[in-house]
Protein backbone atom coordinates (compact mmCIF):
# COMPACT_ATOMS: atom_id res chain seq x y z
CA UNK A 1 11.47 -0.36 19.31
CA UNK A 2 7.70 0.00 19.67
CA UNK A 3 5.35 -1.57 17.13
CA UNK A 4 1.66 -1.76 16.41
CA UNK A 5 -0.47 -3.55 13.85
CA UNK A 6 -1.92 -1.64 10.92
CA UNK A 7 -4.26 -3.98 9.08
CA UNK A 8 -6.01 -2.72 6.02
CA UNK A 9 -9.57 -3.14 4.82
CA UNK A 10 -10.94 -6.55 3.91
CA UNK A 11 -12.34 -5.52 0.56
CA UNK A 12 -9.02 -5.81 -1.25
CA UNK A 13 -7.89 -9.26 -0.19
CA UNK A 14 -7.18 -10.30 -3.73
CA UNK A 15 -5.24 -7.27 -4.78
CA UNK A 16 -1.51 -6.92 -5.02
CA UNK A 17 -1.00 -3.18 -5.12
CA UNK A 18 -2.76 -1.94 -2.01
CA UNK A 19 -0.97 1.03 -0.49
CA UNK A 20 0.55 0.65 2.97
CA UNK A 21 -1.62 1.91 5.83
CA UNK A 22 -0.70 5.25 7.28
CA UNK A 23 -1.71 6.85 10.52
CA UNK A 24 -3.39 10.25 10.47
CA UNK A 25 -0.95 13.08 10.14
CA UNK A 26 1.75 10.93 8.59
CA UNK A 27 3.52 11.24 5.29
CA UNK A 28 5.97 8.81 3.73
CA UNK A 29 8.81 8.43 1.30
CA UNK A 30 9.81 5.70 -1.13
CA UNK A 31 11.86 3.91 1.50
CA UNK A 32 8.76 3.10 3.57
CA UNK A 33 9.55 5.74 6.24
CA UNK A 34 6.54 7.55 7.67
CA UNK A 35 6.94 10.95 9.33
CA UNK A 36 4.49 12.09 11.99
CA UNK A 37 4.17 15.81 11.54
CA UNK A 38 2.56 16.52 14.91
CA UNK A 39 5.03 14.78 17.20
CA UNK A 40 8.06 14.64 14.93
CA UNK A 41 8.19 10.85 15.38
CA UNK A 42 9.31 8.74 12.45
CA UNK A 43 7.78 5.34 11.70
CA UNK A 44 8.45 2.64 9.15
CA UNK A 45 6.47 -0.35 7.90
CA UNK A 46 7.98 -3.77 8.57
CA UNK A 47 6.89 -7.38 7.95
CA UNK A 48 4.52 -8.76 10.59
CA UNK A 49 6.86 -11.66 11.53
CA UNK A 50 4.00 -14.08 11.97
CA UNK A 51 0.24 -13.80 12.15
CA UNK A 52 -1.28 -14.46 8.74
CA UNK A 53 2.24 -14.91 7.45
CA UNK A 54 2.23 -18.47 8.80
CA UNK A 55 -0.84 -19.22 6.70
CA UNK A 56 1.07 -17.90 3.69
CA UNK A 57 3.95 -20.22 4.60
CA UNK A 58 1.47 -23.11 4.64
CA UNK A 59 0.09 -22.04 1.26
CA UNK A 60 3.51 -21.82 -0.35
CA UNK A 61 4.49 -25.21 1.14
CA UNK A 62 1.42 -26.85 -0.42
CA UNK A 63 2.07 -25.29 -3.81
CA UNK A 64 5.78 -26.05 -4.07
CA UNK A 65 5.26 -29.61 -2.83
CA UNK A 66 2.83 -30.27 -5.68
CA UNK A 67 3.67 -28.28 -8.80
CA UNK A 68 7.49 -28.18 -9.17
CA UNK A 69 7.59 -32.00 -9.09
CA UNK A 70 5.95 -32.14 -12.53
CA UNK A 71 9.14 -31.46 -14.49
CA UNK A 72 11.49 -33.93 -12.75
CA UNK A 73 8.70 -36.57 -12.79
CA UNK A 74 8.03 -36.19 -16.52
CA UNK A 75 9.94 -39.35 -17.41
CA UNK A 76 8.14 -41.45 -14.81
CA UNK A 77 4.73 -40.10 -15.82
CA UNK A 78 4.99 -40.40 -19.59
CA UNK A 79 7.93 -42.69 -20.46
CA UNK A 80 5.83 -45.82 -20.85
CA UNK A 81 3.15 -44.04 -22.87
CA UNK A 82 5.59 -42.23 -25.15
CA UNK A 83 7.70 -45.31 -25.80
CA UNK A 84 4.58 -47.35 -26.51
CA UNK A 85 3.30 -44.69 -28.91
CA UNK A 86 6.55 -44.71 -30.87
CA UNK A 87 7.41 -41.09 -30.04
CA UNK A 88 10.95 -40.13 -31.04
CA UNK A 89 13.46 -38.79 -28.54
CA UNK A 90 13.42 -35.49 -30.41
CA UNK A 91 9.64 -35.17 -30.01
CA UNK A 92 9.87 -36.16 -26.34
CA UNK A 93 12.61 -33.59 -25.77
CA UNK A 94 10.46 -30.89 -27.39
CA UNK A 95 7.52 -31.67 -25.08
CA UNK A 96 9.69 -31.49 -21.96
CA UNK A 97 11.78 -28.48 -22.96
CA UNK A 98 8.79 -26.47 -24.15
CA UNK A 99 7.26 -26.96 -20.71
CA UNK A 100 10.49 -25.75 -19.09
CA UNK A 101 10.67 -22.80 -21.50
CA UNK A 102 7.16 -21.63 -20.66
CA UNK A 103 7.77 -22.24 -16.94
CA UNK A 104 10.75 -19.90 -17.00
CA UNK A 105 9.11 -17.30 -19.25
CA UNK A 106 6.04 -17.18 -17.03
CA UNK A 107 8.41 -16.70 -14.11
CA UNK A 108 9.72 -13.44 -15.51
CA UNK A 109 6.11 -12.29 -16.02
CA UNK A 110 4.95 -13.15 -12.51
CA UNK A 111 5.97 -9.88 -10.87
CA UNK A 112 4.28 -7.47 -13.33
CA UNK A 113 1.15 -9.64 -13.57
CA UNK A 114 0.86 -9.76 -9.79
CA UNK A 115 1.16 -5.99 -9.65
CA UNK A 116 -1.66 -5.66 -12.17
CA UNK A 117 -4.06 -8.39 -11.01
CA UNK A 118 -3.15 -9.24 -7.41
CA UNK A 119 -1.62 -12.15 -5.54
CA UNK A 120 -4.64 -14.41 -5.17
CA UNK A 121 -6.10 -14.15 -8.71
CA UNK A 122 -2.77 -14.95 -10.36
CA UNK A 123 -2.13 -17.82 -7.95
CA UNK A 124 -5.58 -19.36 -8.48
CA UNK A 125 -5.41 -19.04 -12.26
CA UNK A 126 -1.98 -20.65 -12.38
CA UNK A 127 -2.98 -23.52 -10.07
CA UNK A 128 -6.10 -24.33 -12.08
CA UNK A 129 -4.18 -24.21 -15.37
CA UNK A 130 -1.55 -26.67 -14.10
CA UNK A 131 -4.17 -29.07 -12.72
CA UNK A 132 -6.30 -28.99 -15.86
CA UNK A 133 -3.20 -29.58 -17.97
CA UNK A 134 -2.39 -32.82 -16.13
CA UNK A 135 -6.01 -34.00 -16.30
CA UNK A 136 -6.18 -33.36 -20.04
CA UNK A 137 -2.92 -35.29 -20.46
CA UNK A 138 -4.75 -38.37 -19.18
CA UNK A 139 -7.01 -38.39 -22.25
CA UNK A 140 -4.34 -37.45 -24.79
CA UNK A 141 -5.17 -39.01 -28.19
CA UNK A 142 -1.54 -38.88 -29.35
CA UNK A 143 1.86 -37.65 -28.09
CA UNK A 144 1.52 -34.31 -29.90
CA UNK A 145 -1.46 -33.38 -27.71
CA UNK A 146 0.96 -33.22 -24.77
CA UNK A 147 2.42 -30.06 -26.32
CA UNK A 148 -0.81 -28.31 -25.32
CA UNK A 149 -1.87 -30.13 -22.17
CA UNK A 150 1.51 -30.66 -20.48
CA UNK A 151 3.85 -28.13 -22.09
CA UNK A 152 1.57 -25.09 -22.40
CA UNK A 153 -0.92 -25.42 -19.55
CA UNK A 154 1.33 -26.79 -16.82
CA UNK A 155 4.30 -24.72 -18.01
CA UNK A 156 2.53 -21.37 -17.83
CA UNK A 157 0.25 -22.10 -14.91
CA UNK A 158 2.82 -23.84 -12.73
CA UNK A 159 5.49 -21.25 -13.46
CA UNK A 160 3.26 -18.35 -12.47
CA UNK A 161 2.09 -19.66 -9.10
CA UNK A 162 5.39 -21.27 -8.09
CA UNK A 163 7.30 -18.05 -8.68
CA UNK A 164 4.76 -16.20 -6.56
CA UNK A 165 5.71 -18.38 -3.61
CA UNK A 166 9.26 -17.03 -3.63
CA UNK A 167 8.06 -13.46 -4.07
CA UNK A 168 5.51 -13.22 -1.29
CA UNK A 169 7.33 -14.73 1.69
CA UNK A 170 10.01 -12.02 2.16
CA UNK A 171 7.21 -9.48 2.63
CA UNK A 172 5.77 -11.35 5.62
CA UNK A 173 9.00 -12.21 7.42
CA UNK A 174 12.29 -10.47 8.07
CA UNK A 175 13.85 -11.97 11.20
CA UNK A 176 12.41 -15.43 10.39
CA UNK A 177 13.02 -15.42 6.66
CA UNK A 178 15.62 -18.15 6.92
CA UNK A 179 13.25 -20.48 8.76
CA UNK A 180 10.23 -19.84 6.56
CA UNK A 181 12.12 -20.20 3.31
CA UNK A 182 13.75 -23.39 4.60
CA UNK A 183 10.25 -24.75 5.23
CA UNK A 184 9.25 -23.90 1.67
CA UNK A 185 12.49 -25.35 0.30
CA UNK A 186 11.78 -28.62 2.07
CA UNK A 187 8.44 -28.73 0.27
CA UNK A 188 10.15 -28.58 -3.12
CA UNK A 189 12.43 -31.53 -2.40
CA UNK A 190 9.69 -33.42 -0.55
CA UNK A 191 7.49 -33.23 -3.64
CA UNK A 192 10.30 -34.41 -5.90
CA UNK A 193 11.04 -37.25 -3.47
CA UNK A 194 7.43 -38.48 -3.25
CA UNK A 195 6.22 -37.87 -6.80
CA UNK A 196 8.08 -40.72 -8.60
CA UNK A 197 7.05 -43.60 -6.28
CA UNK A 198 3.51 -42.25 -5.92
CA UNK A 199 3.21 -42.01 -9.71
CA UNK A 200 4.46 -45.57 -10.10
CA UNK A 201 2.02 -46.83 -7.45
CA UNK A 202 -0.91 -45.13 -9.16
CA UNK A 203 0.09 -46.39 -12.60
CA UNK A 204 0.46 -49.96 -11.33
CA UNK A 205 -3.04 -49.88 -9.81
CA UNK A 206 -5.03 -47.60 -12.12
CA UNK A 207 -3.13 -47.54 -15.40
CA UNK A 208 -1.81 -44.49 -17.25
CA UNK A 209 -5.10 -42.65 -17.67
CA UNK A 210 -6.44 -43.30 -14.19
CA UNK A 211 -3.15 -42.40 -12.52
CA UNK A 212 -2.81 -39.18 -14.51
CA UNK A 213 -6.37 -38.12 -13.65
CA UNK A 214 -5.74 -38.74 -9.96
CA UNK A 215 -2.48 -36.77 -10.10
CA UNK A 216 -4.31 -33.88 -11.78
CA UNK A 217 -6.86 -33.89 -8.96
CA UNK A 218 -4.05 -33.90 -6.40
CA UNK A 219 -2.45 -30.91 -8.17
CA UNK A 220 -5.74 -29.03 -7.85
CA UNK A 221 -5.01 -28.72 -4.12
CA UNK A 222 -2.54 -25.99 -5.08
CA UNK A 223 -5.59 -23.71 -5.27
CA UNK A 224 -5.95 -24.14 -1.49
CA UNK A 225 -2.46 -22.75 -1.05
CA UNK A 226 -3.07 -19.88 -3.49
CA UNK A 227 -6.30 -18.93 -1.72
CA UNK A 228 -4.23 -18.13 1.40
CA UNK A 229 -2.35 -15.34 -0.42
CA UNK A 230 -3.25 -11.83 0.68
CA UNK A 231 -1.70 -8.41 0.00
CA UNK A 232 1.15 -8.14 2.47
CA UNK A 233 0.39 -4.44 3.01
CA UNK A 234 -2.69 -5.43 5.01
CA UNK A 235 -0.53 -7.12 7.64
CA UNK A 236 2.50 -4.85 7.91
CA UNK A 237 3.36 -3.32 11.27
CA UNK A 238 4.28 0.28 11.93
CA UNK A 239 7.31 0.66 14.18
CA UNK A 240 9.17 3.68 15.48
CA UNK A 241 12.40 4.36 13.63
CA UNK A 242 15.41 4.32 15.91
CA UNK A 243 18.32 6.22 14.39
CA UNK A 244 21.09 3.82 13.37
CA UNK A 245 24.01 5.30 11.42
CA UNK A 246 24.59 1.98 9.68
CA UNK A 247 21.02 1.31 8.63
CA UNK A 248 19.11 4.53 8.22
CA UNK A 249 19.89 8.07 7.13
CA UNK A 250 17.43 10.29 9.00
CA UNK A 251 15.62 13.11 7.36
CA UNK A 252 17.35 16.32 8.47
CA UNK A 253 15.94 19.22 6.46
CA UNK A 254 17.93 22.45 6.51
CA UNK A 255 17.46 25.99 5.44
CA UNK A 256 18.69 26.78 1.93
CA UNK A 257 21.52 28.98 3.09
CA UNK A 258 24.61 27.80 1.24
CA UNK A 259 23.54 27.13 -2.32
CA UNK A 260 27.06 26.21 -3.41
CA UNK A 261 27.52 23.39 -0.92
CA UNK A 262 25.68 20.09 -0.65
CA UNK A 263 22.75 20.02 1.70
CA UNK A 264 20.32 17.46 3.04
CA UNK A 265 16.58 17.15 2.76
CA UNK A 266 14.13 14.36 3.39
CA UNK A 267 16.90 11.89 4.02
CA UNK A 268 18.55 12.53 0.63
CA UNK A 269 21.68 14.52 -0.11
CA UNK A 270 21.06 17.37 -2.52
CA UNK A 271 23.66 19.41 -4.32
CA UNK A 272 23.98 22.24 -6.79
CA UNK A 273 25.62 19.86 -9.24
CA UNK A 274 23.27 19.30 -12.16
CA UNK A 275 24.34 15.73 -12.80
CA UNK A 276 24.96 13.98 -9.51
CA UNK A 277 22.56 15.67 -7.09
CA UNK A 278 19.22 17.40 -7.20
CA UNK A 279 18.86 21.13 -7.33
CA UNK A 280 19.00 23.08 -4.09
CA UNK A 281 15.42 24.20 -4.62
CA UNK A 282 14.25 20.79 -3.41
CA UNK A 283 14.78 21.83 0.18
CA UNK A 284 12.17 24.57 -0.15
CA UNK A 285 9.46 21.90 -0.09
CA UNK A 286 10.44 20.81 3.40
CA UNK A 287 7.79 21.85 5.88
CA UNK A 288 9.83 21.81 9.07
CA UNK A 289 13.27 23.33 8.76
CA UNK A 290 16.15 23.14 11.23
CA UNK A 291 19.91 23.66 11.26
CA UNK A 292 22.36 20.83 11.52
CA UNK A 293 25.95 20.92 12.56
CA UNK A 294 28.87 20.80 10.18
CA UNK A 295 29.96 17.54 11.77
CA UNK A 296 26.61 15.89 11.03
CA UNK A 297 26.73 17.06 7.41
CA UNK A 298 30.20 15.64 6.93
CA UNK A 299 29.22 12.34 8.51
CA UNK A 300 26.18 11.88 6.26
CA UNK A 301 27.95 13.07 3.13
CA UNK A 302 30.87 10.76 3.87
CA UNK A 303 28.52 7.84 4.19
CA UNK A 304 26.89 8.70 0.86
CA UNK A 305 30.25 8.97 -0.89
CA UNK A 306 31.34 5.64 0.57
CA UNK A 307 28.13 4.03 -0.63
CA UNK A 308 28.47 5.39 -4.15
CA UNK A 309 32.07 4.28 -4.58
CA UNK A 310 31.70 0.87 -2.94
CA UNK A 311 31.35 -2.36 -4.81
CA UNK A 312 27.69 -3.17 -5.48
CA UNK A 313 27.95 -6.40 -3.54
CA UNK A 314 28.57 -4.44 -0.35
CA UNK A 315 25.37 -2.42 -0.60
CA UNK A 316 23.06 -4.79 1.22
CA UNK A 317 19.42 -3.93 1.60
CA UNK A 318 17.78 -4.45 4.96
CA UNK A 319 15.10 -6.20 2.99
CA UNK A 320 17.39 -9.21 2.69
CA UNK A 321 19.28 -9.55 5.94
CA UNK A 322 19.17 -13.34 5.99
CA UNK A 323 21.15 -15.16 3.37
CA UNK A 324 19.27 -18.36 4.07
CA UNK A 325 16.08 -16.63 3.05
CA UNK A 326 17.52 -16.21 -0.43
CA UNK A 327 19.00 -19.65 -0.79
CA UNK A 328 15.88 -21.67 -1.43
CA UNK A 329 15.05 -20.61 -4.98
CA UNK A 330 14.42 -23.52 -7.32
CA UNK A 331 15.45 -23.84 -10.92
CA UNK A 332 11.94 -23.11 -12.08
CA UNK A 333 11.57 -19.92 -10.12
CA UNK A 334 14.51 -17.77 -11.02
CA UNK A 335 12.65 -14.57 -11.72
CA UNK A 336 10.65 -14.33 -8.57
CA UNK A 337 12.62 -12.21 -6.11
CA UNK A 338 10.90 -8.81 -5.71
CA UNK A 339 12.38 -5.48 -6.59
CA UNK A 340 11.88 -2.36 -4.49
CA UNK A 341 8.10 -2.35 -4.15
CA UNK A 342 7.57 1.39 -4.03
CA UNK A 343 9.71 1.93 -7.10
CA UNK A 344 7.90 -0.82 -9.00
CA UNK A 345 4.51 0.60 -8.10
CA UNK A 346 5.59 4.09 -9.12
CA UNK A 347 6.75 2.78 -12.50
CA UNK A 348 3.51 0.87 -12.97
CA UNK A 349 1.45 3.96 -12.18
CA UNK A 350 3.51 6.03 -14.62
CA UNK A 351 2.86 3.50 -17.39
CA UNK A 352 -0.84 3.52 -16.63
CA UNK A 353 -0.94 7.31 -16.81
CA UNK A 354 0.64 7.12 -20.26
CA UNK A 355 -2.15 4.80 -21.34
CA UNK A 356 0.01 1.69 -21.79
CA UNK A 357 -1.93 -1.57 -21.99
CA UNK A 358 -1.16 -4.56 -19.75
CA UNK A 359 0.93 -6.45 -22.35
CA UNK A 360 2.93 -3.31 -23.12
CA UNK A 361 3.65 -2.69 -19.44
CA UNK A 362 4.74 -6.30 -18.96
CA UNK A 363 7.06 -6.17 -21.98
CA UNK A 364 8.62 -2.89 -20.83
CA UNK A 365 9.28 -4.33 -17.39
CA UNK A 366 10.90 -7.39 -18.97
CA UNK A 367 13.14 -5.31 -21.24
CA UNK A 368 14.20 -3.25 -18.25
CA UNK A 369 15.46 -6.41 -16.55
CA UNK A 370 17.36 -7.56 -19.65
CA UNK A 371 19.41 -4.35 -19.70
CA UNK A 372 21.57 -5.85 -16.95
CA UNK A 373 23.28 -8.02 -19.58
CA UNK A 374 25.51 -5.04 -20.34
CA UNK A 375 27.51 -6.24 -17.35
CA UNK A 376 30.12 -8.92 -18.05
CA UNK A 377 29.43 -10.48 -14.66
CA UNK A 378 25.75 -10.85 -15.51
CA UNK A 379 26.61 -12.33 -18.90
CA UNK A 380 28.84 -14.99 -17.33
CA UNK A 381 26.24 -15.79 -14.70
CA UNK A 382 23.46 -16.12 -17.28
CA UNK A 383 25.64 -18.15 -19.64
CA UNK A 384 26.56 -20.53 -16.85
CA UNK A 385 22.95 -20.76 -15.74
CA UNK A 386 21.71 -21.56 -19.24
CA UNK A 387 24.15 -24.46 -19.69
CA UNK A 388 23.97 -25.87 -16.16
CA UNK A 389 20.20 -25.78 -15.67
CA UNK A 390 19.50 -27.07 -19.17
CA UNK A 391 22.11 -29.76 -18.63
CA UNK A 392 20.96 -31.26 -15.34
CA UNK A 393 17.22 -30.97 -16.06
CA UNK A 394 17.52 -32.67 -19.45
CA UNK A 395 19.57 -35.40 -17.81
CA UNK A 396 16.96 -36.08 -15.14
CA UNK A 397 14.30 -36.20 -17.86
CA UNK A 398 16.23 -38.91 -19.75
CA UNK A 399 16.97 -41.10 -16.70
CA UNK A 400 13.72 -43.18 -16.77
CA UNK A 401 13.94 -43.61 -20.56
CA UNK A 402 17.57 -44.69 -20.40
CA UNK A 403 16.97 -47.16 -17.56
CA UNK A 404 13.98 -48.74 -19.30
CA UNK A 405 16.01 -48.95 -22.49
CA UNK A 406 18.68 -51.14 -20.84
CA UNK A 407 16.21 -53.35 -18.97
CA UNK A 408 15.83 -51.83 -15.50
CA UNK A 409 12.35 -51.78 -13.97
CA UNK A 410 10.17 -48.70 -13.70
CA UNK A 411 10.28 -48.96 -9.91
CA UNK A 412 14.09 -48.79 -9.93
CA UNK A 413 14.05 -45.66 -12.08
CA UNK A 414 11.49 -44.06 -9.76
CA UNK A 415 13.63 -44.78 -6.71
CA UNK A 416 16.68 -43.32 -8.44
CA UNK A 417 14.82 -40.03 -8.84
CA UNK A 418 13.64 -40.14 -5.23
CA UNK A 419 17.17 -40.73 -3.92
CA UNK A 420 18.49 -37.76 -5.89
CA UNK A 421 15.70 -35.57 -4.51
CA UNK A 422 16.46 -36.66 -0.95
CA UNK A 423 20.16 -35.86 -1.28
CA UNK A 424 19.22 -32.59 -2.95
CA UNK A 425 17.11 -31.65 0.09
CA UNK A 426 19.81 -32.46 2.63
CA UNK A 427 22.50 -30.60 0.67
CA UNK A 428 20.33 -27.52 0.26
CA UNK A 429 19.82 -27.30 4.00
CA UNK A 430 23.53 -27.68 4.66
CA UNK A 431 24.82 -25.13 2.13
CA UNK A 432 21.98 -22.72 2.94
CA UNK A 433 22.89 -22.78 6.61
CA UNK A 434 26.62 -22.49 5.97
CA UNK A 435 26.08 -19.53 3.64
CA UNK A 436 25.21 -17.40 6.69
CA UNK A 437 28.84 -17.68 7.87
CA UNK A 438 31.46 -15.34 6.42
CA UNK A 439 34.12 -18.06 6.27
CA UNK A 440 31.98 -20.14 3.91
CA UNK A 441 33.20 -19.94 0.30
CA UNK A 442 29.95 -19.54 -1.60
CA UNK A 443 31.44 -19.39 -5.07
CA UNK A 444 33.61 -22.44 -4.43
CA UNK A 445 30.60 -24.44 -3.24
CA UNK A 446 28.59 -23.29 -6.26
CA UNK A 447 31.30 -24.33 -8.72
CA UNK A 448 31.84 -27.60 -6.85
CA UNK A 449 28.23 -28.42 -7.66
CA UNK A 450 29.08 -28.28 -11.38
CA UNK A 451 31.87 -30.80 -10.86
CA UNK A 452 29.71 -33.21 -8.84
CA UNK A 453 26.87 -33.11 -11.35
CA UNK A 454 29.10 -33.67 -14.39
CA UNK A 455 31.05 -36.50 -12.71
CA UNK A 456 27.85 -38.23 -11.57
CA UNK A 457 26.32 -38.02 -15.06
CA UNK A 458 29.42 -39.50 -16.71
CA UNK A 459 29.58 -42.26 -14.09
CA UNK A 460 25.86 -42.96 -14.62
CA UNK A 461 26.46 -43.79 -18.29
CA UNK A 462 29.01 -46.47 -17.32
CA UNK A 463 27.01 -48.00 -14.44
CA UNK A 464 25.60 -51.50 -14.86
CA UNK A 465 23.96 -52.32 -11.51
CA UNK A 466 21.12 -50.69 -9.61
CA UNK A 467 23.42 -49.96 -6.67
CA UNK A 468 25.84 -48.08 -8.91
CA UNK A 469 22.98 -46.11 -10.45
CA UNK A 470 21.62 -45.17 -7.03
CA UNK A 471 25.08 -43.97 -5.95
CA UNK A 472 25.38 -41.85 -9.09
CA UNK A 473 21.95 -40.31 -8.56
CA UNK A 474 22.79 -39.58 -4.91
CA UNK A 475 25.93 -37.71 -6.03
CA UNK A 476 23.87 -35.93 -8.68
CA UNK A 477 21.41 -34.76 -6.00
CA UNK A 478 24.24 -33.43 -3.85
CA UNK A 479 25.60 -31.47 -6.81
CA UNK A 480 22.23 -29.95 -7.70
CA UNK A 481 21.65 -29.02 -4.06
CA UNK A 482 25.06 -27.33 -3.87
CA UNK A 483 24.31 -25.26 -6.99
CA UNK A 484 20.68 -24.35 -6.55
CA UNK A 485 20.79 -24.09 -2.75
CA UNK A 486 22.91 -20.92 -2.99
CA UNK A 487 22.12 -19.86 -6.56
CA UNK A 488 20.74 -16.46 -5.60
CA UNK A 489 23.21 -16.05 -2.74
CA UNK A 490 25.98 -16.19 -5.33
CA UNK A 491 24.16 -13.55 -7.39
CA UNK A 492 24.21 -11.23 -4.36
CA UNK A 493 27.87 -12.02 -3.79
CA UNK A 494 28.74 -11.18 -7.41
CA UNK A 495 26.24 -8.49 -8.41
CA UNK A 496 24.91 -7.03 -5.15
CA UNK A 497 21.44 -7.28 -3.67
CA UNK A 498 20.24 -4.22 -5.59
CA UNK A 499 20.53 -6.19 -8.85
CA UNK A 500 19.22 -9.49 -7.51
CA UNK A 501 15.74 -9.35 -9.07
CA UNK A 502 17.04 -7.96 -12.34
CA UNK A 503 19.69 -10.66 -12.74
CA UNK A 504 17.12 -13.31 -11.85
CA UNK A 505 14.82 -12.00 -14.54
CA UNK A 506 17.54 -11.94 -17.17
CA UNK A 507 18.79 -15.38 -16.15
CA UNK A 508 15.27 -16.78 -16.31
CA UNK A 509 14.73 -15.39 -19.79
CA UNK A 510 18.06 -16.70 -21.11
CA UNK A 511 17.52 -20.12 -19.53
CA UNK A 512 14.09 -20.35 -21.14
CA UNK A 513 15.60 -19.62 -24.55
CA UNK A 514 18.18 -22.31 -23.84
CA UNK A 515 15.48 -24.93 -23.32
CA UNK A 516 14.15 -24.26 -26.80
CA UNK A 517 17.56 -24.18 -28.49
CA UNK A 518 19.50 -26.84 -26.56
CA UNK A 519 16.92 -29.34 -25.29
CA UNK A 520 15.55 -30.53 -28.65
CA UNK A 521 19.11 -30.77 -29.98
CA UNK A 522 19.94 -33.25 -27.19
CA UNK A 523 16.94 -35.35 -28.22
CA UNK A 524 18.00 -35.20 -31.87
CA UNK A 525 21.48 -36.44 -30.95
CA UNK A 526 19.91 -39.40 -29.17
CA UNK A 527 17.85 -40.27 -32.25
CA UNK A 528 20.89 -40.06 -34.52
CA UNK A 529 23.23 -42.03 -32.24
CA UNK A 530 20.55 -44.34 -30.79
CA UNK A 531 22.32 -43.92 -27.44
CA UNK A 532 21.12 -42.19 -24.29
CA UNK A 533 24.67 -42.37 -22.95
CA UNK A 534 25.96 -40.01 -25.65
CA UNK A 535 23.24 -37.44 -24.94
CA UNK A 536 23.87 -37.65 -21.21
CA UNK A 537 27.59 -37.10 -21.65
CA UNK A 538 26.79 -33.98 -23.66
CA UNK A 539 24.80 -32.63 -20.70
CA UNK A 540 27.84 -33.35 -18.51
CA UNK A 541 29.96 -31.35 -20.95
CA UNK A 542 27.52 -28.43 -20.61
CA UNK A 543 28.14 -28.39 -16.85
CA UNK A 544 31.89 -28.34 -17.43
CA UNK A 545 31.50 -25.43 -19.87
CA UNK A 546 29.63 -23.55 -17.14
CA UNK A 547 32.54 -24.18 -14.80
CA UNK A 548 34.97 -22.92 -17.44
CA UNK A 549 32.96 -19.71 -17.89
CA UNK A 550 33.12 -19.06 -14.16
CA UNK A 551 36.91 -19.11 -14.33
CA UNK A 552 36.67 -15.69 -16.00
CA UNK A 553 34.43 -14.15 -13.31
CA UNK A 554 37.30 -12.41 -11.49
CA UNK A 555 38.36 -10.72 -14.74
CA UNK A 556 34.77 -9.67 -15.44
CA UNK A 557 34.49 -8.15 -11.96
CA UNK A 558 37.58 -6.03 -12.52
CA UNK A 559 36.28 -4.82 -15.89
CA UNK A 560 32.85 -3.96 -14.48
CA UNK A 561 34.40 -2.20 -11.49
CA UNK A 562 36.45 0.03 -13.80
CA UNK A 563 33.32 0.82 -15.81
CA UNK A 564 31.38 1.73 -12.66
CA UNK A 565 34.20 3.91 -11.38
CA UNK A 566 34.42 5.74 -14.71
CA UNK A 567 30.65 6.23 -14.73
CA UNK A 568 30.71 7.60 -11.18
CA UNK A 569 33.41 10.10 -12.16
CA UNK A 570 31.36 11.24 -15.15
CA UNK A 571 28.30 11.78 -12.96
CA UNK A 572 30.30 13.99 -10.60
CA UNK A 573 31.55 16.23 -13.39
């Protein structure tokens, strides 16, 4: 395969919708295939596999090391201040869960906003918002001010830029996606490992206000990472397409001779059927016409029929040929995986032509993602995600408060969080690597994470020594790593890669709603019972309910498969 660089102009470095470069005399289709009319040579645009992509990897590493650590470190940062101010557990839970809600909601808005404004502007705005939010938290006059400074500013800003990190990398790397996403994943856990002890060190030496101001300044370095974002179209390479019957259906235009039989044009099968294929008149637009053999027609039509009737999970896009590249998504970035870029851009242009405003276009894109909840598989996945993510994040938020309440030091609580983050990192690497092997049971590993998290939480509530607490938090970290390390891999396994971004968007939206509905209720239960142990055991029960819901996944798959088969039959009629 022969390749050459096709860099774009420098005057659109901040944009996110720059069209791919094309050589003179070339035309393209929505699959990124370019056809050279003069020589009959077909090209396609592929990720650069390096170059500026390594600078983007550095930028994403900086961002995810800094910003995602804010949520898990909430208890260490504000526990002493909130307890000293007499804030109730309900009020504390509202502050934390509102931040998580806005983080997830902004995640589902990241893709349409990036299409409208560009990679770099959205990343810089989000980074500045998160940093300013932490700095303003240092001068909070009362706990309620944290609803604005911490919940709103860091929730929206951090969610936007962190989700961009997961969206941009797959466009720069294909063969090395596993490596680059593993680097970014290590940044997430590294930040969560370092943030608690660093926060404690700063608070011991500079007090609450001084430490929070310094942390806000440190978070401002996320703007350095965001400034490295560029439109990936500027760096794509153009390579010659080599015909591969398993990867690419070549464009074989034919003369419109037999109008009653299916025919091929521009790489798409056309038919006289009004419902399942396009009209035969499409082939008249083909500039160069040639005959193809009956054998070739049957081979291509057979492949199309096999694709249409196959289970969605078997229709893998070449855009995601490394499972490790999809295994590094964090809980706060569930809506970030990109859809088909050309299709998204076409939809965006259509909305613009109709005169839709930016908010209207964003809302329409969001509602389009939520339509996937018609599938029972998607409903089970989203239901399990709502309970599990709300459960283990609310538990980690309560850990410093609970440990201070029973007399443990702030340093011990900080080290408990660091140990869980370290085990989380190691487990993510292990399950991410194993997910590339066919013998690895992804769903079993995912559900095993629910068991480990729930058992560790229950054991935590009965622990009385620091060693026991550290062991429980280590087990907790292993469980979270097993779940979140292959979260999106399991989506592909259940729903298929074509629905990955849509299911992520729907799951993100539902999880955000869960933070508003479930999180404050957990805080209220603590206020009523005056026991952190009771609230923590409820979060463990939420993980077990998620496991119970997954027991019905096989049944949901059979139901959805029957629906898809019936729909395919209707389309053929």
